[in-house]
Amino acid sequence: MSLNIELLEQSFEKIKPRADEFAASFYEHLFTEHPEMKPLFATTDMAKQEKKLLNALVLVVENLRNPEALEPVLNALGARHIGYGATAKNYRSCLSSSN
């Protein structure tokens, strides 16, 4: 799979001025389309979670041209999500409905 890095960077620049609104909208959409995901966040401070989402996106976008730096970080993030109860089925369900 080939990524259009320049397009991703440009798109993210457009999101930055409304980053907080974007993050809140992301979770609102997630819970509307996949209500089964909401229990995974039952004890989560959503304001902090939205900041974590934005920080992760910044990290990814800033390192699109340096993917070897992303691998250990994303592997650790995936491992933490397994600890939170996320499964491969959760991701497949969300991905299949976004197409």
N, C-alpha and C. Protein backbone atom coordinates (compact mmCIF):
# COMPACT_ATOMS: atom_id res chain seq x y z
N MET A 1 0.84 -1.17 0.00
CA MET A 1 0.00 0.00 0.00
C MET A 1 0.89 1.24 0.00
N SER A 2 0.62 2.13 -0.91
CA SER A 2 1.39 3.35 -1.03
C SER A 2 0.59 4.52 -0.44
N LEU A 3 1.25 5.30 0.39
CA LEU A 3 0.60 6.45 1.01
C LEU A 3 0.97 7.72 0.26
N ASN A 4 0.02 8.60 0.10
CA ASN A 4 0.28 9.92 -0.44
C ASN A 4 0.61 10.81 0.76
N ILE A 5 1.88 10.82 1.13
CA ILE A 5 2.32 11.50 2.35
C ILE A 5 2.03 12.99 2.28
N GLU A 6 2.30 13.59 1.15
CA GLU A 6 2.07 15.03 1.03
C GLU A 6 0.60 15.37 1.25
N LEU A 7 -0.30 14.58 0.69
CA LEU A 7 -1.74 14.81 0.87
C LEU A 7 -2.14 14.63 2.33
N LEU A 8 -1.59 13.62 2.99
CA LEU A 8 -1.89 13.41 4.41
C LEU A 8 -1.40 14.59 5.24
N GLU A 9 -0.21 15.07 4.96
CA GLU A 9 0.32 16.21 5.70
C GLU A 9 -0.53 17.46 5.47
N GLN A 10 -0.92 17.71 4.23
CA GLN A 10 -1.74 18.87 3.91
C GLN A 10 -3.11 18.76 4.59
N SER A 11 -3.68 17.58 4.56
CA SER A 11 -4.99 17.38 5.18
C SER A 11 -4.92 17.61 6.68
N PHE A 12 -3.87 17.11 7.30
CA PHE A 12 -3.73 17.28 8.74
C PHE A 12 -3.55 18.76 9.10
N GLU A 13 -2.87 19.51 8.27
CA GLU A 13 -2.71 20.95 8.51
C GLU A 13 -4.07 21.64 8.55
N LYS A 14 -5.01 21.16 7.75
CA LYS A 14 -6.35 21.74 7.73
C LYS A 14 -7.14 21.39 8.99
N ILE A 15 -6.83 20.27 9.59
CA ILE A 15 -7.51 19.82 10.81
C ILE A 15 -6.99 20.56 12.04
N LYS A 16 -5.72 20.87 12.06
CA LYS A 16 -5.08 21.44 13.26
C LYS A 16 -5.83 22.60 13.90
N PRO A 17 -6.32 23.58 13.13
CA PRO A 17 -7.01 24.70 13.79
C PRO A 17 -8.27 24.29 14.55
N ARG A 18 -8.82 23.15 14.20
CA ARG A 18 -10.04 22.68 14.87
C ARG A 18 -9.81 21.28 15.45
N ALA A 19 -8.60 21.07 15.94
CA ALA A 19 -8.20 19.75 16.41
C ALA A 19 -9.10 19.22 17.53
N ASP A 20 -9.45 20.06 18.48
CA ASP A 20 -10.30 19.61 19.59
C ASP A 20 -11.66 19.16 19.08
N GLU A 21 -12.21 19.95 18.17
CA GLU A 21 -13.51 19.60 17.59
C GLU A 21 -13.41 18.30 16.79
N PHE A 22 -12.31 18.14 16.07
CA PHE A 22 -12.09 16.92 15.30
C PHE A 22 -12.06 15.69 16.21
N ALA A 23 -11.31 15.77 17.31
CA ALA A 23 -11.18 14.63 18.22
C ALA A 23 -12.52 14.27 18.84
N ALA A 24 -13.27 15.27 19.28
CA ALA A 24 -14.59 15.01 19.86
C ALA A 24 -15.51 14.37 18.82
N SER A 25 -15.44 14.87 17.60
CA SER A 25 -16.26 14.33 16.51
C SER A 25 -15.88 12.88 16.19
N PHE A 26 -14.59 12.58 16.28
CA PHE A 26 -14.12 11.22 16.02
C PHE A 26 -14.81 10.24 16.96
N TYR A 27 -14.78 10.55 18.26
CA TYR A 27 -15.38 9.63 19.23
C TYR A 27 -16.90 9.61 19.14
N GLU A 28 -17.50 10.75 18.86
CA GLU A 28 -18.95 10.78 18.68
C GLU A 28 -19.35 9.86 17.52
N HIS A 29 -18.62 9.96 16.44
CA HIS A 29 -18.90 9.12 15.27
C HIS A 29 -18.65 7.64 15.61
N LEU A 30 -17.54 7.36 16.28
CA LEU A 30 -17.21 5.99 16.66
C LEU A 30 -18.34 5.37 17.48
N PHE A 31 -18.81 6.09 18.48
CA PHE A 31 -19.83 5.54 19.36
C PHE A 31 -21.21 5.46 18.70
N THR A 32 -21.46 6.33 17.74
CA THR A 32 -22.72 6.27 17.00
C THR A 32 -22.73 5.08 16.05
N GLU A 33 -21.63 4.92 15.32
CA GLU A 33 -21.55 3.83 14.34
C GLU A 33 -21.26 2.48 14.98
N HIS A 34 -20.60 2.50 16.12
CA HIS A 34 -20.19 1.25 16.80
C HIS A 34 -20.45 1.36 18.30
N PRO A 35 -21.71 1.32 18.70
CA PRO A 35 -22.02 1.47 20.13
C PRO A 35 -21.38 0.39 21.00
N GLU A 36 -21.02 -0.72 20.39
CA GLU A 36 -20.36 -1.79 21.13
C GLU A 36 -18.98 -1.37 21.63
N MET A 37 -18.44 -0.29 21.08
CA MET A 37 -17.13 0.20 21.49
C MET A 37 -17.19 1.06 22.76
N LYS A 38 -18.33 1.63 23.03
CA LYS A 38 -18.46 2.57 24.15
C LYS A 38 -18.05 1.96 25.49
N PRO A 39 -18.40 0.69 25.79
CA PRO A 39 -17.97 0.14 27.08
C PRO A 39 -16.45 0.12 27.29
N LEU A 40 -15.69 0.08 26.20
CA LEU A 40 -14.24 0.11 26.33
C LEU A 40 -13.75 1.44 26.92
N PHE A 41 -14.61 2.45 26.88
CA PHE A 41 -14.26 3.79 27.35
C PHE A 41 -15.05 4.18 28.60
N ALA A 42 -15.68 3.21 29.24
CA ALA A 42 -16.58 3.49 30.37
C ALA A 42 -15.91 4.25 31.50
N THR A 43 -14.66 4.00 31.77
CA THR A 43 -13.97 4.67 32.87
C THR A 43 -12.94 5.69 32.37
N THR A 44 -13.06 6.05 31.12
CA THR A 44 -12.08 6.94 30.49
C THR A 44 -12.49 8.39 30.61
N ASP A 45 -11.55 9.23 30.96
CA ASP A 45 -11.75 10.68 30.91
C ASP A 45 -11.63 11.06 29.43
N MET A 46 -12.77 11.37 28.80
CA MET A 46 -12.78 11.57 27.36
C MET A 46 -12.00 12.81 26.93
N ALA A 47 -11.93 13.82 27.75
CA ALA A 47 -11.11 15.00 27.40
C ALA A 47 -9.64 14.59 27.27
N LYS A 48 -9.18 13.78 28.21
CA LYS A 48 -7.80 13.28 28.14
C LYS A 48 -7.63 12.34 26.96
N GLN A 49 -8.63 11.51 26.71
CA GLN A 49 -8.56 10.57 25.59
C GLN A 49 -8.47 11.31 24.25
N GLU A 50 -9.23 12.38 24.12
CA GLU A 50 -9.19 13.17 22.89
C GLU A 50 -7.81 13.78 22.70
N LYS A 51 -7.19 14.24 23.77
CA LYS A 51 -5.82 14.77 23.69
C LYS A 51 -4.84 13.68 23.27
N LYS A 52 -5.03 12.47 23.81
CA LYS A 52 -4.16 11.35 23.43
C LYS A 52 -4.30 11.02 21.95
N LEU A 53 -5.54 11.05 21.45
CA LEU A 53 -5.77 10.81 20.03
C LEU A 53 -5.02 11.84 19.20
N LEU A 54 -5.16 13.10 19.56
CA LEU A 54 -4.49 14.16 18.80
C LEU A 54 -2.98 14.02 18.87
N ASN A 55 -2.45 13.70 20.04
CA ASN A 55 -1.00 13.51 20.17
C ASN A 55 -0.51 12.36 19.30
N ALA A 56 -1.29 11.29 19.25
CA ALA A 56 -0.91 10.14 18.42
C ALA A 56 -0.94 10.52 16.94
N LEU A 57 -1.95 11.26 16.53
CA LEU A 57 -2.03 11.69 15.14
C LEU A 57 -0.88 12.61 14.76
N VAL A 58 -0.54 13.53 15.65
CA VAL A 58 0.60 14.41 15.39
C VAL A 58 1.87 13.59 15.22
N LEU A 59 2.08 12.65 16.12
CA LEU A 59 3.27 11.80 16.04
C LEU A 59 3.33 11.05 14.71
N VAL A 60 2.21 10.48 14.30
CA VAL A 60 2.19 9.72 13.06
C VAL A 60 2.45 10.62 11.86
N VAL A 61 1.72 11.72 11.78
CA VAL A 61 1.86 12.60 10.62
C VAL A 61 3.28 13.19 10.55
N GLU A 62 3.82 13.57 11.69
CA GLU A 62 5.17 14.14 11.70
C GLU A 62 6.25 13.12 11.35
N ASN A 63 5.91 11.84 11.42
CA ASN A 63 6.91 10.80 11.13
C ASN A 63 6.56 9.95 9.91
N LEU A 64 5.66 10.43 9.08
CA LEU A 64 5.31 9.67 7.87
C LEU A 64 6.52 9.45 6.97
N ARG A 65 7.45 10.35 7.00
CA ARG A 65 8.66 10.24 6.18
C ARG A 65 9.78 9.51 6.93
N ASN A 66 9.48 9.04 8.12
CA ASN A 66 10.44 8.34 8.97
C ASN A 66 9.74 7.13 9.61
N PRO A 67 9.24 6.20 8.79
CA PRO A 67 8.41 5.11 9.33
C PRO A 67 9.12 4.21 10.33
N GLU A 68 10.43 4.10 10.25
CA GLU A 68 11.13 3.24 11.22
C GLU A 68 11.00 3.79 12.63
N ALA A 69 10.79 5.08 12.77
CA ALA A 69 10.57 5.67 14.09
C ALA A 69 9.18 5.36 14.61
N LEU A 70 8.25 5.13 13.70
CA LEU A 70 6.86 4.87 14.10
C LEU A 70 6.64 3.44 14.58
N GLU A 71 7.35 2.50 14.01
CA GLU A 71 7.07 1.09 14.30
C GLU A 71 7.06 0.76 15.79
N PRO A 72 8.09 1.09 16.56
CA PRO A 72 8.05 0.72 17.98
C PRO A 72 6.93 1.45 18.74
N VAL A 73 6.68 2.69 18.38
CA VAL A 73 5.64 3.47 19.06
C VAL A 73 4.26 2.89 18.78
N LEU A 74 4.00 2.57 17.52
CA LEU A 74 2.69 2.02 17.15
C LEU A 74 2.51 0.61 17.69
N ASN A 75 3.59 -0.17 17.74
CA ASN A 75 3.49 -1.50 18.35
C ASN A 75 3.14 -1.39 19.83
N ALA A 76 3.74 -0.46 20.52
CA ALA A 76 3.44 -0.26 21.95
C ALA A 76 2.00 0.22 22.13
N LEU A 77 1.56 1.11 21.26
CA LEU A 77 0.19 1.60 21.32
C LEU A 77 -0.80 0.46 21.10
N GLY A 78 -0.51 -0.38 20.12
CA GLY A 78 -1.37 -1.54 19.87
C GLY A 78 -1.41 -2.48 21.07
N ALA A 79 -0.27 -2.71 21.69
CA ALA A 79 -0.21 -3.58 22.86
C ALA A 79 -1.04 -3.01 24.01
N ARG A 80 -0.97 -1.68 24.20
CA ARG A 80 -1.78 -1.05 25.26
C ARG A 80 -3.27 -1.22 24.96
N HIS A 81 -3.65 -1.10 23.70
CA HIS A 81 -5.06 -1.24 23.35
C HIS A 81 -5.56 -2.66 23.59
N ILE A 82 -4.71 -3.63 23.39
CA ILE A 82 -5.08 -5.02 23.73
C ILE A 82 -5.36 -5.10 25.22
N GLY A 83 -4.54 -4.44 26.02
CA GLY A 83 -4.75 -4.41 27.46
C GLY A 83 -6.04 -3.73 27.86
N TYR A 84 -6.51 -2.81 27.03
CA TYR A 84 -7.78 -2.12 27.31
C TYR A 84 -8.98 -2.95 26.89
N GLY A 85 -8.72 -4.05 26.17
CA GLY A 85 -9.82 -4.91 25.75
C GLY A 85 -10.15 -4.84 24.26
N ALA A 86 -9.41 -4.05 23.51
CA ALA A 86 -9.64 -3.97 22.06
C ALA A 86 -9.19 -5.27 21.41
N THR A 87 -9.93 -5.67 20.39
CA THR A 87 -9.61 -6.90 19.66
C THR A 87 -9.47 -6.60 18.18
N ALA A 88 -8.88 -7.53 17.45
CA ALA A 88 -8.77 -7.39 16.00
C ALA A 88 -10.15 -7.26 15.38
N LYS A 89 -11.13 -7.94 15.93
CA LYS A 89 -12.51 -7.86 15.42
C LYS A 89 -13.03 -6.43 15.52
N ASN A 90 -12.71 -5.72 16.60
CA ASN A 90 -13.12 -4.33 16.75
C ASN A 90 -12.60 -3.48 15.59
N TYR A 91 -11.34 -3.67 15.28
CA TYR A 91 -10.73 -2.87 14.22
C TYR A 91 -11.31 -3.22 12.86
N ARG A 92 -11.48 -4.51 12.60
CA ARG A 92 -12.07 -4.93 11.32
C ARG A 92 -13.46 -4.38 11.16
N SER A 93 -14.25 -4.39 12.23
CA SER A 93 -15.61 -3.87 12.18
C SER A 93 -15.60 -2.38 11.85
N CYS A 94 -14.74 -1.64 12.50
CA CYS A 94 -14.69 -0.18 12.25
C CYS A 94 -14.18 0.11 10.86
N LEU A 95 -13.19 -0.62 10.41
CA LEU A 95 -12.64 -0.38 9.07
C LEU A 95 -13.64 -0.74 7.98
N SER A 96 -14.35 -1.84 8.16
CA SER A 96 -15.27 -2.26 7.11
C SER A 96 -16.45 -1.31 6.98
N SER A 97 -16.84 -0.66 8.05
CA SER A 97 -17.99 0.26 7.96
C SER A 97 -17.56 1.63 7.46
N SER A 98 -16.25 1.92 7.44
CA SER A 98 -15.81 3.23 6.98
C SER A 98 -15.60 3.26 5.47
N ASN A 99 -15.67 2.12 4.83
CA ASN A 99 -15.46 2.07 3.37
C ASN A 99 -16.73 2.33 2.62
